[in-house]
Amino acid sequence: MERSRGVFVTIEGLDFSGKSTLVGVLKGMLEGAETPTFFTREPGGTPAAESIRALVLDPEVEMEDLTEAYLYAAARADHTRREILPRLARGENVVCERYLDSSLAYQGEGRGLGIEAVRNLNAKAVEGAMPDRTFYLRLTPEERERRALDRGSLDRLERVGEEFMEKVEKAFEELSVCEPERIEVLDASLPPEELARRVGGFLGVRRYTS
């Protein structure tokens, strides 16, 4: 009998689009579910990757754009091999807040390194572990600015400015058009409970290894 494989879901979007809030609601919704779901984030998810996270998000640290891209890829390589792939193989579902698409958008388009160049840089890091479904939270610039003001303290990437964020948004929109079978666009202004029901519904679909 073939062993069942877990479902891999990623939550994407610009800063302040409500990814963490959505994940928090989803955790409560799936508590006690028959299939266990592992919640994680990028950069992060392992001790090494969390250390890299602290570095790349430190507002006091300056670094070259290519250095930033390699650090994200390094964190992803450790995270994918130590957590994501083993858990999927055991039949667990995995929900990750940010993944490869964020690097394509932020470093590929936002930093101007090129989407395909960043995709190639990450090819070995992801080891073929691509999401079964990516939920992209789309938010208007006006609402994003309001949420940013409410937040107050900002990390290194959150401080880069609106022109940068416009490039990142453009990349996410283009990715969603190029891969509509994988990337589902959600209105980030909807209540988190409604968004969580959409994501939870997909996680109820059982997938099996071929």
N, C-alpha and C. Protein backbone atom coordinates (compact mmCIF):
# COMPACT_ATOMS: atom_id res chain seq x y z
N MET A 1 0.85 -1.21 0.00
CA MET A 1 0.00 0.00 0.00
C MET A 1 0.88 1.25 0.00
N GLU A 2 0.57 2.18 -0.87
CA GLU A 2 1.37 3.39 -0.96
C GLU A 2 1.09 4.31 0.22
N ARG A 3 2.14 4.91 0.69
CA ARG A 3 2.03 5.80 1.83
C ARG A 3 1.48 7.15 1.41
N SER A 4 0.54 7.68 2.19
CA SER A 4 -0.02 8.99 1.87
C SER A 4 0.98 10.09 2.16
N ARG A 5 0.92 11.12 1.37
CA ARG A 5 1.80 12.27 1.54
C ARG A 5 0.98 13.45 2.03
N GLY A 6 1.59 14.26 2.88
CA GLY A 6 0.90 15.43 3.39
C GLY A 6 0.71 16.48 2.32
N VAL A 7 -0.14 17.45 2.61
CA VAL A 7 -0.41 18.58 1.72
C VAL A 7 0.44 19.77 2.14
N PHE A 8 1.09 20.39 1.18
CA PHE A 8 1.97 21.53 1.43
C PHE A 8 1.29 22.80 0.95
N VAL A 9 1.02 23.71 1.90
CA VAL A 9 0.35 24.98 1.61
C VAL A 9 1.24 26.13 2.05
N THR A 10 1.32 27.16 1.24
CA THR A 10 2.04 28.37 1.64
C THR A 10 1.09 29.57 1.64
N ILE A 11 1.36 30.50 2.53
CA ILE A 11 0.61 31.75 2.64
C ILE A 11 1.54 32.88 2.24
N GLU A 12 1.17 33.63 1.20
CA GLU A 12 2.04 34.68 0.67
C GLU A 12 1.32 36.02 0.66
N GLY A 13 2.10 37.07 0.49
CA GLY A 13 1.54 38.40 0.40
C GLY A 13 2.53 39.43 0.87
N LEU A 14 2.24 40.69 0.60
CA LEU A 14 3.11 41.77 1.05
C LEU A 14 3.03 41.90 2.56
N ASP A 15 3.94 42.67 3.12
CA ASP A 15 3.91 42.95 4.54
C ASP A 15 2.57 43.59 4.90
N PHE A 16 2.07 43.22 6.08
CA PHE A 16 0.81 43.74 6.63
C PHE A 16 -0.43 43.20 5.92
N SER A 17 -0.29 42.16 5.10
CA SER A 17 -1.46 41.61 4.42
C SER A 17 -2.26 40.66 5.31
N GLY A 18 -1.75 40.34 6.49
CA GLY A 18 -2.51 39.53 7.44
C GLY A 18 -2.15 38.05 7.45
N LYS A 19 -0.96 37.73 6.99
CA LYS A 19 -0.56 36.31 6.92
C LYS A 19 -0.54 35.67 8.31
N SER A 20 0.11 36.33 9.26
CA SER A 20 0.23 35.77 10.61
C SER A 20 -1.13 35.65 11.29
N THR A 21 -1.99 36.63 11.08
CA THR A 21 -3.34 36.59 11.66
C THR A 21 -4.12 35.41 11.09
N LEU A 22 -4.03 35.22 9.78
CA LEU A 22 -4.70 34.10 9.13
C LEU A 22 -4.20 32.77 9.68
N VAL A 23 -2.89 32.64 9.80
CA VAL A 23 -2.31 31.40 10.31
C VAL A 23 -2.77 31.14 11.75
N GLY A 24 -2.86 32.18 12.56
CA GLY A 24 -3.32 32.01 13.93
C GLY A 24 -4.73 31.46 14.00
N VAL A 25 -5.62 31.98 13.17
CA VAL A 25 -7.01 31.49 13.12
C VAL A 25 -7.04 30.05 12.60
N LEU A 26 -6.23 29.77 11.61
CA LEU A 26 -6.19 28.44 11.01
C LEU A 26 -5.71 27.40 12.02
N LYS A 27 -4.75 27.76 12.84
CA LYS A 27 -4.26 26.84 13.88
C LYS A 27 -5.41 26.40 14.79
N GLY A 28 -6.20 27.35 15.23
CA GLY A 28 -7.32 27.02 16.09
C GLY A 28 -8.36 26.17 15.38
N MET A 29 -8.58 26.45 14.11
CA MET A 29 -9.57 25.71 13.33
C MET A 29 -9.17 24.24 13.14
N LEU A 30 -7.88 23.99 12.98
CA LEU A 30 -7.40 22.65 12.67
C LEU A 30 -6.95 21.86 13.90
N GLU A 31 -7.06 22.47 15.07
CA GLU A 31 -6.65 21.78 16.29
C GLU A 31 -7.49 20.52 16.48
N GLY A 32 -6.83 19.40 16.66
CA GLY A 32 -7.53 18.14 16.85
C GLY A 32 -7.96 17.46 15.57
N ALA A 33 -7.57 18.01 14.41
CA ALA A 33 -7.94 17.39 13.14
C ALA A 33 -7.27 16.03 13.00
N GLU A 34 -7.89 15.15 12.21
CA GLU A 34 -7.37 13.79 12.04
C GLU A 34 -5.95 13.80 11.49
N THR A 35 -5.70 14.63 10.48
CA THR A 35 -4.35 14.75 9.92
C THR A 35 -3.63 15.90 10.59
N PRO A 36 -2.50 15.65 11.25
CA PRO A 36 -1.78 16.74 11.92
C PRO A 36 -1.25 17.75 10.91
N THR A 37 -1.27 19.02 11.31
CA THR A 37 -0.75 20.10 10.46
C THR A 37 0.37 20.81 11.19
N PHE A 38 1.50 20.92 10.53
CA PHE A 38 2.67 21.62 11.07
C PHE A 38 2.70 23.03 10.52
N PHE A 39 2.75 24.02 11.41
CA PHE A 39 2.79 25.42 11.02
C PHE A 39 4.22 25.95 11.17
N THR A 40 4.69 26.65 10.16
CA THR A 40 6.06 27.16 10.18
C THR A 40 6.13 28.47 9.39
N ARG A 41 7.33 29.03 9.28
CA ARG A 41 7.47 30.32 8.59
C ARG A 41 8.84 30.42 7.95
N GLU A 42 8.95 31.38 7.03
CA GLU A 42 10.25 31.69 6.43
C GLU A 42 10.46 33.19 6.42
N PRO A 43 11.73 33.62 6.57
CA PRO A 43 12.84 32.75 6.97
C PRO A 43 12.64 32.27 8.39
N GLY A 44 13.07 31.04 8.66
CA GLY A 44 12.91 30.48 9.99
C GLY A 44 12.52 29.02 9.92
N GLY A 45 12.04 28.49 11.04
CA GLY A 45 11.56 27.12 11.07
C GLY A 45 12.54 26.13 11.64
N THR A 46 13.83 26.46 11.69
CA THR A 46 14.86 25.65 12.33
C THR A 46 15.78 26.60 13.10
N PRO A 47 16.57 26.10 14.04
CA PRO A 47 17.48 27.01 14.77
C PRO A 47 18.40 27.81 13.84
N ALA A 48 18.98 27.15 12.84
CA ALA A 48 19.87 27.86 11.92
C ALA A 48 19.11 28.91 11.12
N ALA A 49 17.94 28.54 10.62
CA ALA A 49 17.15 29.47 9.80
C ALA A 49 16.62 30.63 10.63
N GLU A 50 16.30 30.39 11.90
CA GLU A 50 15.85 31.48 12.77
C GLU A 50 16.99 32.47 13.03
N SER A 51 18.21 31.97 13.12
CA SER A 51 19.36 32.86 13.30
C SER A 51 19.55 33.74 12.06
N ILE A 52 19.36 33.14 10.89
CA ILE A 52 19.44 33.92 9.65
C ILE A 52 18.31 34.94 9.60
N ARG A 53 17.12 34.56 10.05
CA ARG A 53 15.99 35.49 10.08
C ARG A 53 16.32 36.74 10.89
N ALA A 54 16.91 36.52 12.06
CA ALA A 54 17.27 37.66 12.91
C ALA A 54 18.23 38.60 12.20
N LEU A 55 19.12 38.04 11.40
CA LEU A 55 20.10 38.85 10.68
C LEU A 55 19.46 39.63 9.53
N VAL A 56 18.69 38.95 8.67
CA VAL A 56 18.16 39.63 7.48
C VAL A 56 17.07 40.64 7.81
N LEU A 57 16.42 40.50 8.96
CA LEU A 57 15.36 41.44 9.33
C LEU A 57 15.82 42.52 10.29
N ASP A 58 17.08 42.47 10.72
CA ASP A 58 17.61 43.46 11.65
C ASP A 58 17.71 44.82 10.98
N PRO A 59 16.96 45.82 11.46
CA PRO A 59 16.98 47.15 10.83
C PRO A 59 18.32 47.86 10.91
N GLU A 60 19.20 47.37 11.77
CA GLU A 60 20.51 48.01 11.94
C GLU A 60 21.57 47.41 11.01
N VAL A 61 21.23 46.35 10.28
CA VAL A 61 22.19 45.65 9.43
C VAL A 61 22.05 46.08 7.97
N GLU A 62 23.15 46.42 7.35
CA GLU A 62 23.16 46.71 5.91
C GLU A 62 23.86 45.57 5.18
N MET A 63 23.34 45.20 4.01
CA MET A 63 23.96 44.12 3.24
C MET A 63 23.65 44.29 1.77
N GLU A 64 24.47 43.68 0.93
CA GLU A 64 24.25 43.69 -0.51
C GLU A 64 23.01 42.86 -0.84
N ASP A 65 22.35 43.24 -1.93
CA ASP A 65 21.13 42.55 -2.33
C ASP A 65 21.38 41.06 -2.59
N LEU A 66 22.51 40.74 -3.22
CA LEU A 66 22.81 39.34 -3.52
C LEU A 66 23.08 38.57 -2.23
N THR A 67 23.73 39.22 -1.27
CA THR A 67 23.95 38.59 0.03
C THR A 67 22.61 38.23 0.67
N GLU A 68 21.67 39.16 0.62
CA GLU A 68 20.34 38.94 1.17
C GLU A 68 19.68 37.73 0.51
N ALA A 69 19.76 37.65 -0.82
CA ALA A 69 19.13 36.54 -1.54
C ALA A 69 19.74 35.20 -1.15
N TYR A 70 21.07 35.16 -1.03
CA TYR A 70 21.74 33.91 -0.65
C TYR A 70 21.38 33.52 0.79
N LEU A 71 21.24 34.48 1.68
CA LEU A 71 20.88 34.16 3.06
C LEU A 71 19.48 33.56 3.13
N TYR A 72 18.54 34.11 2.39
CA TYR A 72 17.19 33.54 2.35
C TYR A 72 17.22 32.12 1.80
N ALA A 73 18.02 31.89 0.75
CA ALA A 73 18.12 30.55 0.17
C ALA A 73 18.76 29.57 1.15
N ALA A 74 19.76 30.04 1.89
CA ALA A 74 20.43 29.18 2.87
C ALA A 74 19.45 28.76 3.97
N ALA A 75 18.68 29.73 4.47
CA ALA A 75 17.68 29.42 5.48
C ALA A 75 16.66 28.42 4.94
N ARG A 76 16.25 28.61 3.69
CA ARG A 76 15.25 27.72 3.07
C ARG A 76 15.80 26.30 2.90
N ALA A 77 17.06 26.17 2.55
CA ALA A 77 17.66 24.85 2.37
C ALA A 77 17.60 24.06 3.67
N ASP A 78 17.94 24.69 4.79
CA ASP A 78 17.92 24.00 6.08
C ASP A 78 16.49 23.67 6.48
N HIS A 79 15.60 24.61 6.31
CA HIS A 79 14.19 24.46 6.68
C HIS A 79 13.52 23.35 5.87
N THR A 80 13.76 23.35 4.57
CA THR A 80 13.13 22.36 3.70
C THR A 80 13.57 20.95 4.05
N ARG A 81 14.86 20.77 4.24
CA ARG A 81 15.39 19.42 4.49
C ARG A 81 15.11 18.92 5.90
N ARG A 82 15.13 19.80 6.88
CA ARG A 82 14.97 19.38 8.27
C ARG A 82 13.52 19.29 8.72
N GLU A 83 12.65 20.08 8.09
CA GLU A 83 11.27 20.11 8.55
C GLU A 83 10.23 19.78 7.47
N ILE A 84 10.25 20.52 6.37
CA ILE A 84 9.15 20.40 5.41
C ILE A 84 9.11 19.02 4.75
N LEU A 85 10.18 18.60 4.11
CA LEU A 85 10.18 17.32 3.39
C LEU A 85 9.95 16.13 4.32
N PRO A 86 10.62 16.05 5.48
CA PRO A 86 10.36 14.90 6.37
C PRO A 86 8.91 14.82 6.84
N ARG A 87 8.32 15.96 7.16
CA ARG A 87 6.94 15.95 7.65
C ARG A 87 5.95 15.57 6.55
N LEU A 88 6.15 16.07 5.35
CA LEU A 88 5.28 15.68 4.24
C LEU A 88 5.38 14.18 3.98
N ALA A 89 6.58 13.65 4.06
CA ALA A 89 6.79 12.22 3.83
C ALA A 89 6.08 11.38 4.89
N ARG A 90 5.96 11.91 6.12
CA ARG A 90 5.27 11.18 7.20
C ARG A 90 3.76 11.32 7.11
N GLY A 91 3.28 12.09 6.14
CA GLY A 91 1.84 12.27 5.98
C GLY A 91 1.26 13.47 6.68
N GLU A 92 2.12 14.31 7.27
CA GLU A 92 1.64 15.54 7.90
C GLU A 92 1.38 16.61 6.84
N ASN A 93 0.40 17.47 7.12
CA ASN A 93 0.23 18.67 6.31
C ASN A 93 1.20 19.74 6.81
N VAL A 94 1.64 20.60 5.92
CA VAL A 94 2.55 21.70 6.29
C VAL A 94 1.97 23.01 5.77
N VAL A 95 1.85 23.98 6.66
CA VAL A 95 1.43 25.34 6.29
C VAL A 95 2.60 26.26 6.60
N CYS A 96 3.13 26.91 5.57
CA CYS A 96 4.30 27.76 5.73
C CYS A 96 3.97 29.21 5.38
N GLU A 97 4.25 30.11 6.29
CA GLU A 97 4.05 31.54 6.06
C GLU A 97 5.29 32.07 5.33
N ARG A 98 5.13 32.33 4.05
CA ARG A 98 6.17 32.71 3.10
C ARG A 98 7.00 31.49 2.70
N TYR A 99 7.43 31.53 1.42
CA TYR A 99 8.29 30.46 0.90
C TYR A 99 8.99 31.02 -0.33
N LEU A 100 9.22 30.20 -1.33
CA LEU A 100 9.99 30.61 -2.50
C LEU A 100 9.41 31.84 -3.20
N ASP A 101 8.08 31.94 -3.30
CA ASP A 101 7.48 33.08 -4.01
C ASP A 101 7.89 34.41 -3.41
N SER A 102 8.09 34.44 -2.10
CA SER A 102 8.53 35.69 -1.47
C SER A 102 9.91 36.08 -1.95
N SER A 103 10.81 35.12 -2.11
CA SER A 103 12.15 35.44 -2.62
C SER A 103 12.07 35.93 -4.06
N LEU A 104 11.23 35.29 -4.86
CA LEU A 104 11.08 35.72 -6.25
C LEU A 104 10.57 37.15 -6.32
N ALA A 105 9.63 37.49 -5.43
CA ALA A 105 9.03 38.83 -5.45
C ALA A 105 9.93 39.88 -4.82
N TYR A 106 10.45 39.58 -3.63
CA TYR A 106 11.22 40.58 -2.88
C TYR A 106 12.65 40.75 -3.42
N GLN A 107 13.35 39.64 -3.60
CA GLN A 107 14.72 39.76 -4.10
C GLN A 107 14.77 39.78 -5.63
N GLY A 108 13.95 38.95 -6.27
CA GLY A 108 13.97 38.90 -7.72
C GLY A 108 13.50 40.19 -8.37
N GLU A 109 12.32 40.66 -7.98
CA GLU A 109 11.76 41.88 -8.57
C GLU A 109 12.08 43.11 -7.73
N GLY A 110 11.84 43.04 -6.43
CA GLY A 110 12.05 44.20 -5.58
C GLY A 110 13.48 44.68 -5.57
N ARG A 111 14.43 43.75 -5.41
CA ARG A 111 15.85 44.11 -5.40
C ARG A 111 16.45 44.16 -6.80
N GLY A 112 15.69 43.72 -7.79
CA GLY A 112 16.17 43.82 -9.17
C GLY A 112 17.16 42.74 -9.57
N LEU A 113 17.19 41.62 -8.85
CA LEU A 113 18.13 40.55 -9.18
C LEU A 113 17.62 39.68 -10.32
N GLY A 114 16.34 39.76 -10.61
CA GLY A 114 15.74 38.95 -11.67
C GLY A 114 15.05 37.73 -11.10
N ILE A 115 13.78 37.55 -11.46
CA ILE A 115 13.00 36.45 -10.90
C ILE A 115 13.61 35.10 -11.25
N GLU A 116 14.02 34.91 -12.50
CA GLU A 116 14.57 33.61 -12.89
C GLU A 116 15.93 33.37 -12.24
N ALA A 117 16.70 34.43 -12.04
CA ALA A 117 17.99 34.28 -11.38
C ALA A 117 17.80 33.82 -9.94
N VAL A 118 16.83 34.38 -9.24
CA VAL A 118 16.55 33.98 -7.87
C VAL A 118 15.94 32.59 -7.83
N ARG A 119 15.11 32.26 -8.81
CA ARG A 119 14.55 30.91 -8.87
C ARG A 119 15.67 29.87 -9.02
N ASN A 120 16.62 30.16 -9.89
CA ASN A 120 17.74 29.24 -10.10
C ASN A 120 18.60 29.12 -8.84
N LEU A 121 18.80 30.25 -8.17
CA LEU A 121 19.59 30.24 -6.94
C LEU A 121 18.95 29.33 -5.89
N ASN A 122 17.63 29.28 -5.88
CA ASN A 122 16.89 28.50 -4.89
C ASN A 122 16.57 27.08 -5.32
N ALA A 123 16.94 26.70 -6.53
CA ALA A 123 16.55 25.40 -7.06
C ALA A 123 17.00 24.25 -6.16
N LYS A 124 18.24 24.29 -5.73
CA LYS A 124 18.75 23.24 -4.86
C LYS A 124 18.20 23.38 -3.45
N ALA A 125 17.95 24.59 -3.03
CA ALA A 125 17.45 24.82 -1.67
C ALA A 125 16.09 24.18 -1.46
N VAL A 126 15.19 24.29 -2.43
CA VAL A 126 13.84 23.76 -2.25
C VAL A 126 13.78 22.25 -2.51
N GLU A 127 14.78 21.71 -3.22
CA GLU A 127 14.85 20.26 -3.45
C GLU A 127 13.54 19.72 -4.02
N GLY A 128 12.92 20.49 -4.91
CA GLY A 128 11.69 20.04 -5.54
C GLY A 128 10.44 20.17 -4.69
N ALA A 129 10.56 20.71 -3.48
CA ALA A 129 9.42 20.83 -2.57
C ALA A 129 8.64 22.10 -2.88
N MET A 130 7.73 22.01 -3.84
CA MET A 130 6.88 23.14 -4.19
C MET A 130 5.49 22.95 -3.60
N PRO A 131 4.84 24.04 -3.22
CA PRO A 131 3.52 23.94 -2.59
C PRO A 131 2.47 23.31 -3.50
N ASP A 132 1.56 22.54 -2.88
CA ASP A 132 0.39 22.07 -3.61
C ASP A 132 -0.54 23.24 -3.91
N ARG A 133 -0.59 24.19 -2.99
CA ARG A 133 -1.40 25.38 -3.19
C ARG A 133 -0.78 26.55 -2.43
N THR A 134 -0.75 27.70 -3.08
CA THR A 134 -0.28 28.93 -2.47
C THR A 134 -1.44 29.90 -2.41
N PHE A 135 -1.71 30.44 -1.24
CA PHE A 135 -2.76 31.44 -1.07
C PHE A 135 -2.10 32.81 -0.95
N TYR A 136 -2.35 33.64 -1.96
CA TYR A 136 -1.77 34.99 -2.01
C TYR A 136 -2.79 35.99 -1.50
N LEU A 137 -2.46 36.68 -0.42
CA LEU A 137 -3.33 37.67 0.19
C LEU A 137 -3.12 39.02 -0.48
N ARG A 138 -4.10 39.43 -1.24
CA ARG A 138 -4.02 40.70 -1.97
C ARG A 138 -4.64 41.82 -1.13
N LEU A 139 -3.88 42.92 -0.98
CA LEU A 139 -4.33 44.04 -0.17
C LEU A 139 -4.05 45.35 -0.89
N THR A 140 -4.95 46.33 -0.76
CA THR A 140 -4.74 47.61 -1.42
C THR A 140 -3.60 48.38 -0.73
N PRO A 141 -2.90 49.24 -1.48
CA PRO A 141 -1.82 50.04 -0.87
C PRO A 141 -2.33 50.90 0.28
N GLU A 142 -3.55 51.42 0.17
CA GLU A 142 -4.10 52.28 1.21
C GLU A 142 -4.28 51.52 2.52
N GLU A 143 -4.81 50.29 2.42
CA GLU A 143 -5.03 49.49 3.62
C GLU A 143 -3.69 49.02 4.19
N ARG A 144 -2.75 48.71 3.31
CA ARG A 144 -1.43 48.30 3.78
C ARG A 144 -0.75 49.43 4.56
N GLU A 145 -0.88 50.66 4.06
CA GLU A 145 -0.28 51.81 4.75
C GLU A 145 -0.94 52.02 6.11
N ARG A 146 -2.25 51.85 6.16
CA ARG A 146 -2.95 52.03 7.44
C ARG A 146 -2.47 51.00 8.47
N ARG A 147 -2.33 49.76 8.02
CA ARG A 147 -1.88 48.71 8.92
C ARG A 147 -0.43 48.93 9.36
N ALA A 148 0.39 49.47 8.46
CA ALA A 148 1.78 49.75 8.80
C ALA A 148 1.86 50.81 9.90
N LEU A 149 1.01 51.83 9.80
CA LEU A 149 1.00 52.88 10.81
C LEU A 149 0.54 52.33 12.15
N ASP A 150 -0.39 51.39 12.12
CA ASP A 150 -0.87 50.78 13.36
C ASP A 150 0.23 49.93 14.00
N ARG A 151 1.07 49.31 13.16
CA ARG A 151 2.12 48.44 13.68
C ARG A 151 3.17 49.23 14.47
N GLY A 152 3.62 50.36 13.89
CA GLY A 152 4.63 51.16 14.58
C GLY A 152 6.03 50.71 14.23
N SER A 153 6.63 49.84 15.03
CA SER A 153 8.00 49.38 14.82
C SER A 153 8.09 48.48 13.59
N LEU A 154 9.06 48.77 12.69
CA LEU A 154 9.18 48.03 11.44
C LEU A 154 10.55 47.37 11.34
N ASP A 155 10.58 46.17 10.67
CA ASP A 155 11.86 45.50 10.48
C ASP A 155 12.56 46.05 9.24
N ARG A 156 13.72 45.48 8.90
CA ARG A 156 14.56 46.01 7.82
C ARG A 156 13.83 46.04 6.47
N LEU A 157 13.10 44.99 6.14
CA LEU A 157 12.42 44.95 4.85
C LEU A 157 11.14 45.78 4.84
N GLU A 158 10.50 45.88 5.98
CA GLU A 158 9.27 46.68 6.06
C GLU A 158 9.56 48.16 5.90
N ARG A 159 10.83 48.57 6.03
CA ARG A 159 11.20 49.99 5.97
C ARG A 159 11.62 50.45 4.57
N VAL A 160 11.59 49.57 3.59
CA VAL A 160 12.22 49.91 2.32
C VAL A 160 11.45 50.93 1.48
N GLY A 161 10.17 51.14 1.74
CA GLY A 161 9.45 52.18 1.03
C GLY A 161 8.45 51.67 0.01
N GLU A 162 7.58 52.59 -0.44
CA GLU A 162 6.47 52.21 -1.29
C GLU A 162 6.90 51.80 -2.69
N GLU A 163 7.93 52.44 -3.24
CA GLU A 163 8.38 52.08 -4.59
C GLU A 163 8.83 50.62 -4.64
N PHE A 164 9.56 50.20 -3.62
CA PHE A 164 9.99 48.81 -3.53
C PHE A 164 8.78 47.89 -3.43
N MET A 165 7.82 48.25 -2.58
CA MET A 165 6.65 47.40 -2.39
C MET A 165 5.80 47.30 -3.65
N GLU A 166 5.79 48.34 -4.45
CA GLU A 166 5.06 48.29 -5.71
C GLU A 166 5.67 47.25 -6.64
N LYS A 167 6.98 47.16 -6.65
CA LYS A 167 7.67 46.15 -7.47
C LYS A 167 7.35 44.75 -6.96
N VAL A 168 7.35 44.59 -5.64
CA VAL A 168 7.05 43.28 -5.04
C VAL A 168 5.62 42.88 -5.37
N GLU A 169 4.69 43.82 -5.24
CA GLU A 169 3.29 43.54 -5.55
C GLU A 169 3.14 43.14 -7.02
N LYS A 170 3.82 43.83 -7.90
CA LYS A 170 3.78 43.51 -9.34
C LYS A 170 4.23 42.07 -9.57
N ALA A 171 5.28 41.66 -8.87
CA ALA A 171 5.78 40.29 -9.04
C ALA A 171 4.77 39.27 -8.55
N PHE A 172 4.16 39.49 -7.39
CA PHE A 172 3.16 38.56 -6.88
C PHE A 172 1.99 38.44 -7.85
N GLU A 173 1.57 39.58 -8.39
CA GLU A 173 0.44 39.56 -9.34
C GLU A 173 0.80 38.77 -10.60
N GLU A 174 2.01 38.97 -11.09
CA GLU A 174 2.44 38.25 -12.30
C GLU A 174 2.57 36.76 -12.03
N LEU A 175 3.09 36.40 -10.87
CA LEU A 175 3.21 34.98 -10.52
C LEU A 175 1.84 34.33 -10.44
N SER A 176 0.86 35.04 -9.90
CA SER A 176 -0.48 34.47 -9.78
C SER A 176 -1.13 34.26 -11.14
N VAL A 177 -0.78 35.11 -12.10
CA VAL A 177 -1.30 34.96 -13.46
C VAL A 177 -0.62 33.80 -14.18
N CYS A 178 0.68 33.66 -13.96
CA CYS A 178 1.46 32.60 -14.62
C CYS A 178 1.15 31.22 -14.07
N GLU A 179 0.79 31.14 -12.78
CA GLU A 179 0.54 29.83 -12.16
C GLU A 179 -0.82 29.79 -11.46
N PRO A 180 -1.90 30.00 -12.20
CA PRO A 180 -3.22 30.04 -11.55
C PRO A 180 -3.66 28.71 -10.95
N GLU A 181 -3.09 27.60 -11.44
CA GLU A 181 -3.45 26.29 -10.90
C GLU A 181 -2.87 26.08 -9.50
N ARG A 182 -1.81 26.82 -9.17
CA ARG A 182 -1.19 26.70 -7.85
C ARG A 182 -1.52 27.86 -6.95
N ILE A 183 -1.50 29.07 -7.49
CA ILE A 183 -1.66 30.27 -6.67
C ILE A 183 -3.11 30.75 -6.71
N GLU A 184 -3.73 30.77 -5.55
CA GLU A 184 -5.11 31.26 -5.41
C GLU A 184 -5.08 32.63 -4.73
N VAL A 185 -5.69 33.61 -5.35
CA VAL A 185 -5.70 34.98 -4.83
C VAL A 185 -6.88 35.15 -3.87
N LEU A 186 -6.59 35.65 -2.68
CA LEU A 186 -7.63 35.93 -1.69
C LEU A 186 -7.65 37.41 -1.35
N ASP A 187 -8.83 37.93 -1.09
CA ASP A 187 -9.00 39.33 -0.69
C ASP A 187 -8.62 39.46 0.78
N ALA A 188 -7.47 40.09 1.03
CA ALA A 188 -6.95 40.18 2.39
C ALA A 188 -7.78 41.09 3.30
N SER A 189 -8.74 41.82 2.73
CA SER A 189 -9.59 42.66 3.57
C SER A 189 -10.75 41.88 4.18
N LEU A 190 -10.95 40.63 3.75
CA LEU A 190 -12.01 39.80 4.31
C LEU A 190 -11.66 39.38 5.73
N PRO A 191 -12.66 39.01 6.53
CA PRO A 191 -12.38 38.56 7.90
C PRO A 191 -11.44 37.35 7.90
N PRO A 192 -10.49 37.30 8.83
CA PRO A 192 -9.54 36.17 8.88
C PRO A 192 -10.23 34.82 8.98
N GLU A 193 -11.38 34.76 9.65
CA GLU A 193 -12.10 33.50 9.78
C GLU A 193 -12.57 32.99 8.43
N GLU A 194 -13.00 33.90 7.57
CA GLU A 194 -13.45 33.49 6.24
C GLU A 194 -12.27 33.00 5.40
N LEU A 195 -11.16 33.71 5.49
CA LEU A 195 -9.97 33.30 4.75
C LEU A 195 -9.48 31.94 5.25
N ALA A 196 -9.52 31.74 6.57
CA ALA A 196 -9.07 30.47 7.14
C ALA A 196 -9.94 29.32 6.67
N ARG A 197 -11.23 29.55 6.50
CA ARG A 197 -12.10 28.48 6.00
C ARG A 197 -11.72 28.07 4.58
N ARG A 198 -11.30 29.04 3.77
CA ARG A 198 -10.87 28.72 2.40
C ARG A 198 -9.62 27.85 2.42
N VAL A 199 -8.66 28.24 3.25
CA VAL A 199 -7.42 27.47 3.33
C VAL A 199 -7.68 26.10 3.95
N GLY A 200 -8.47 26.07 5.03
CA GLY A 200 -8.78 24.81 5.69
C GLY A 200 -9.51 23.85 4.79
N GLY A 201 -10.34 24.38 3.90
CA GLY A 201 -11.06 23.53 2.96
C GLY A 201 -10.10 22.80 2.03
N PHE A 202 -9.07 23.51 1.60
CA PHE A 202 -8.09 22.87 0.72
C PHE A 202 -7.31 21.80 1.47
N LEU A 203 -6.99 22.05 2.72
CA LEU A 203 -6.22 21.09 3.50
C LEU A 203 -7.01 19.81 3.77
N GLY A 204 -8.31 19.86 3.56
CA GLY A 204 -9.12 18.66 3.74
C GLY A 204 -9.00 17.70 2.57
N VAL A 205 -8.37 18.14 1.47
CA VAL A 205 -8.18 17.29 0.30
C VAL A 205 -7.00 16.38 0.55
N ARG A 206 -7.19 15.07 0.41
CA ARG A 206 -6.11 14.13 0.64
C ARG A 206 -5.29 13.95 -0.62
N ARG A 207 -3.97 13.97 -0.48
CA ARG A 207 -3.07 13.77 -1.60
C ARG A 207 -2.26 12.49 -1.36
N TYR A 208 -1.90 11.81 -2.41
CA TYR A 208 -1.12 10.59 -2.28
C TYR A 208 0.09 10.65 -3.19
N THR A 209 1.15 9.98 -2.76
CA THR A 209 2.35 9.93 -3.59
C THR A 209 2.07 9.07 -4.80
N SER A 210 2.72 9.37 -5.91
CA SER A 210 2.52 8.60 -7.13
C SER A 210 3.39 7.36 -7.13
